[in-house]
N, C-alpha and C. Protein backbone atom coordinates (compact mmCIF):
# COMPACT_ATOMS: atom_id res chain seq x y z
N UNK A 1 -2.58 5.41 -5.01
CA UNK A 1 -2.63 4.03 -4.64
C UNK A 1 -3.49 3.91 -3.40
N UNK A 2 -4.14 2.81 -3.24
CA UNK A 2 -4.95 2.60 -2.05
C UNK A 2 -4.22 1.63 -1.13
N UNK A 3 -3.52 2.17 -0.18
CA UNK A 3 -2.67 1.38 0.69
C UNK A 3 -3.47 0.38 1.52
N UNK A 4 -4.63 0.77 1.99
CA UNK A 4 -5.43 -0.16 2.78
C UNK A 4 -5.83 -1.38 1.95
N UNK A 5 -6.18 -1.17 0.69
CA UNK A 5 -6.53 -2.29 -0.18
C UNK A 5 -5.34 -3.20 -0.39
N UNK A 6 -4.18 -2.62 -0.58
CA UNK A 6 -2.95 -3.41 -0.73
C UNK A 6 -2.74 -4.27 0.51
N UNK A 7 -2.93 -3.69 1.67
CA UNK A 7 -2.76 -4.41 2.93
C UNK A 7 -3.76 -5.56 3.03
N UNK A 8 -5.04 -5.28 2.85
CA UNK A 8 -6.08 -6.30 3.02
C UNK A 8 -6.04 -7.36 1.93
N UNK A 9 -5.49 -7.06 0.78
CA UNK A 9 -5.36 -8.05 -0.30
C UNK A 9 -4.13 -8.93 -0.13
N UNK A 10 -3.41 -8.73 0.96
CA UNK A 10 -2.22 -9.53 1.26
C UNK A 10 -1.13 -9.38 0.20
N UNK A 11 -1.04 -8.20 -0.37
CA UNK A 11 0.04 -7.90 -1.30
C UNK A 11 1.26 -7.57 -0.47
N UNK A 12 2.37 -8.21 -0.75
CA UNK A 12 3.53 -8.12 0.12
C UNK A 12 4.53 -7.04 -0.22
N UNK A 13 4.33 -6.37 -1.36
CA UNK A 13 5.32 -5.36 -1.76
C UNK A 13 4.66 -4.24 -2.54
N UNK A 14 5.09 -3.02 -2.26
CA UNK A 14 4.66 -1.83 -2.99
C UNK A 14 5.92 -1.19 -3.56
N UNK A 15 5.89 -0.90 -4.85
CA UNK A 15 6.99 -0.17 -5.49
C UNK A 15 6.39 1.07 -6.13
N UNK A 16 6.98 2.23 -5.82
CA UNK A 16 6.46 3.46 -6.40
C UNK A 16 7.60 4.33 -6.90
N UNK A 17 7.26 5.21 -7.83
CA UNK A 17 8.28 6.06 -8.45
C UNK A 17 8.29 7.48 -7.91
N UNK A 18 7.15 7.97 -7.45
CA UNK A 18 7.04 9.38 -7.09
C UNK A 18 6.35 9.51 -5.72
N UNK A 19 6.91 10.35 -4.86
CA UNK A 19 6.36 10.54 -3.53
C UNK A 19 5.12 11.44 -3.56
N UNK A 20 4.36 11.41 -2.46
CA UNK A 20 3.11 12.17 -2.36
C UNK A 20 3.27 13.65 -2.68
N UNK A 21 4.31 14.26 -2.15
CA UNK A 21 4.50 15.69 -2.35
C UNK A 21 4.64 16.05 -3.83
N UNK A 22 5.35 15.21 -4.57
CA UNK A 22 5.52 15.45 -6.01
C UNK A 22 4.21 15.23 -6.75
N UNK A 23 3.47 14.21 -6.35
CA UNK A 23 2.17 13.98 -6.98
C UNK A 23 1.24 15.16 -6.74
N UNK A 24 1.24 15.69 -5.53
CA UNK A 24 0.40 16.86 -5.23
C UNK A 24 0.81 18.04 -6.10
N UNK A 25 2.10 18.24 -6.28
CA UNK A 25 2.58 19.33 -7.14
C UNK A 25 2.14 19.12 -8.58
N UNK A 26 2.27 17.90 -9.09
CA UNK A 26 1.89 17.60 -10.46
C UNK A 26 0.39 17.79 -10.69
N UNK A 27 -0.41 17.30 -9.76
CA UNK A 27 -1.86 17.36 -9.92
C UNK A 27 -2.40 18.76 -9.70
N UNK A 28 -1.75 19.52 -8.84
CA UNK A 28 -2.22 20.86 -8.51
C UNK A 28 -3.08 20.83 -7.26
N UNK A 29 -2.95 21.82 -6.45
CA UNK A 29 -3.67 21.89 -5.18
C UNK A 29 -5.17 21.86 -5.42
N UNK A 30 -5.87 21.06 -4.65
CA UNK A 30 -7.33 21.01 -4.73
C UNK A 30 -7.89 20.34 -5.97
N UNK A 31 -7.07 19.63 -6.72
CA UNK A 31 -7.54 18.96 -7.93
C UNK A 31 -8.50 17.84 -7.56
N UNK A 32 -9.75 17.94 -7.98
CA UNK A 32 -10.77 16.95 -7.61
C UNK A 32 -10.57 15.63 -8.34
N UNK A 33 -9.70 15.57 -9.32
CA UNK A 33 -9.38 14.31 -9.99
C UNK A 33 -8.36 13.49 -9.21
N UNK A 34 -7.74 14.12 -8.23
CA UNK A 34 -6.74 13.43 -7.41
C UNK A 34 -6.99 13.78 -5.95
N UNK A 35 -7.91 13.08 -5.33
CA UNK A 35 -8.26 13.34 -3.94
C UNK A 35 -7.32 12.55 -3.04
N UNK A 36 -6.06 12.90 -3.10
CA UNK A 36 -5.05 12.17 -2.34
C UNK A 36 -5.10 12.52 -0.86
N UNK A 37 -4.54 11.62 -0.07
CA UNK A 37 -4.41 11.84 1.36
C UNK A 37 -2.98 12.26 1.66
N UNK A 38 -2.76 12.85 2.79
CA UNK A 38 -1.43 13.34 3.16
C UNK A 38 -0.51 12.25 3.70
N UNK A 39 -1.07 11.08 4.05
CA UNK A 39 -0.25 10.04 4.64
C UNK A 39 0.48 9.25 3.56
N UNK A 40 1.74 9.00 3.80
CA UNK A 40 2.53 8.14 2.90
C UNK A 40 2.17 6.68 3.19
N UNK A 41 2.34 5.83 2.19
CA UNK A 41 1.97 4.43 2.37
C UNK A 41 2.75 3.78 3.52
N UNK A 42 3.99 4.18 3.72
CA UNK A 42 4.77 3.62 4.83
C UNK A 42 4.10 3.93 6.18
N UNK A 43 3.56 5.13 6.31
CA UNK A 43 2.89 5.51 7.55
C UNK A 43 1.64 4.67 7.79
N UNK A 44 0.85 4.47 6.75
CA UNK A 44 -0.37 3.68 6.87
C UNK A 44 -0.03 2.23 7.22
N UNK A 45 0.92 1.66 6.51
CA UNK A 45 1.29 0.26 6.72
C UNK A 45 1.96 0.01 8.06
N UNK A 46 2.57 1.04 8.63
CA UNK A 46 3.22 0.89 9.94
C UNK A 46 2.20 0.53 11.02
N UNK A 47 0.94 0.86 10.81
CA UNK A 47 -0.10 0.54 11.78
C UNK A 47 -0.67 -0.85 11.64
N UNK A 48 -0.19 -1.61 10.67
CA UNK A 48 -0.71 -2.96 10.43
C UNK A 48 -0.02 -4.02 11.27
N UNK A 49 -0.52 -5.23 11.16
CA UNK A 49 0.02 -6.36 11.91
C UNK A 49 0.89 -7.27 11.06
N UNK A 50 1.08 -6.94 9.80
CA UNK A 50 1.93 -7.76 8.94
C UNK A 50 2.84 -6.84 8.16
N UNK A 51 3.92 -7.39 7.69
CA UNK A 51 4.91 -6.61 6.95
C UNK A 51 4.55 -6.50 5.47
N UNK A 52 4.64 -5.30 4.96
CA UNK A 52 4.53 -5.04 3.52
C UNK A 52 5.79 -4.27 3.16
N UNK A 53 6.56 -4.79 2.25
CA UNK A 53 7.81 -4.16 1.84
C UNK A 53 7.50 -3.00 0.92
N UNK A 54 8.01 -1.81 1.24
CA UNK A 54 7.77 -0.61 0.44
C UNK A 54 9.10 -0.14 -0.14
N UNK A 55 9.14 0.01 -1.46
CA UNK A 55 10.33 0.46 -2.17
C UNK A 55 9.97 1.70 -2.95
N UNK A 56 10.70 2.77 -2.74
CA UNK A 56 10.46 3.96 -3.51
C UNK A 56 10.81 5.22 -2.74
N UNK A 57 10.91 6.32 -3.42
CA UNK A 57 10.79 6.45 -4.87
C UNK A 57 11.98 5.79 -5.58
N UNK A 58 11.71 5.21 -6.72
CA UNK A 58 12.70 4.44 -7.48
C UNK A 58 13.46 5.37 -8.42
N UNK A 59 14.76 5.50 -8.16
CA UNK A 59 15.61 6.32 -9.02
C UNK A 59 15.70 5.66 -10.40
N UNK A 60 15.85 6.46 -11.41
CA UNK A 60 15.98 5.95 -12.76
C UNK A 60 14.67 5.96 -13.52
N UNK A 61 13.56 5.74 -12.82
CA UNK A 61 12.25 5.83 -13.48
C UNK A 61 11.47 7.04 -12.97
N UNK A 62 11.88 7.57 -11.83
CA UNK A 62 11.17 8.70 -11.24
C UNK A 62 11.03 9.86 -12.22
N UNK A 63 12.13 10.24 -12.84
CA UNK A 63 12.12 11.38 -13.77
C UNK A 63 11.20 11.12 -14.95
N UNK A 64 11.20 9.90 -15.46
CA UNK A 64 10.34 9.55 -16.59
C UNK A 64 8.86 9.61 -16.19
N UNK A 65 8.55 9.10 -15.01
CA UNK A 65 7.17 9.12 -14.53
C UNK A 65 6.70 10.56 -14.32
N UNK A 66 7.55 11.40 -13.74
CA UNK A 66 7.19 12.81 -13.53
C UNK A 66 6.93 13.47 -14.88
N UNK A 67 7.80 13.26 -15.84
CA UNK A 67 7.63 13.87 -17.16
C UNK A 67 6.34 13.41 -17.83
N UNK A 68 6.07 12.11 -17.81
CA UNK A 68 4.85 11.59 -18.43
C UNK A 68 3.60 12.05 -17.69
N UNK A 69 3.68 12.10 -16.37
CA UNK A 69 2.53 12.49 -15.55
C UNK A 69 2.21 13.97 -15.69
N UNK A 70 3.22 14.78 -15.92
CA UNK A 70 3.02 16.22 -16.07
C UNK A 70 1.99 16.52 -17.15
N UNK A 71 2.09 15.84 -18.27
CA UNK A 71 1.13 16.06 -19.37
C UNK A 71 -0.28 15.64 -18.99
N UNK A 72 -0.39 14.52 -18.30
CA UNK A 72 -1.73 14.06 -17.89
C UNK A 72 -2.37 15.04 -16.91
N UNK A 73 -1.65 15.35 -15.84
CA UNK A 73 -2.22 16.20 -14.80
C UNK A 73 -2.46 17.63 -15.28
N UNK A 74 -1.68 18.09 -16.25
CA UNK A 74 -1.90 19.44 -16.79
C UNK A 74 -3.31 19.59 -17.32
N UNK A 75 -3.83 18.53 -17.92
CA UNK A 75 -5.18 18.56 -18.49
C UNK A 75 -6.29 18.49 -17.46
N UNK A 76 -5.96 18.18 -16.19
CA UNK A 76 -7.00 18.06 -15.17
C UNK A 76 -7.03 19.23 -14.21
N UNK A 77 -6.04 20.10 -14.29
CA UNK A 77 -6.00 21.23 -13.36
C UNK A 77 -7.05 22.26 -13.72
N UNK A 78 -7.67 22.83 -12.67
CA UNK A 78 -8.75 23.79 -12.89
C UNK A 78 -8.34 25.16 -13.12
């Protein structure tokens, strides 16, 4: 997700299922298809001047997203 874009587009809420660490594990270290940053969206948004409500990881869908994502990211690992 692009947190800065969410902020500048005046989107008031972010809901996510899986945290950065899990995404990094799923994608694999150094995967050029997922050039993620180490900062969580809450950290980035904390530096802003307006409130953006952040919800996540969301229990109940997290496991499903991890399972579905595993197949996708498996095909992109080098």
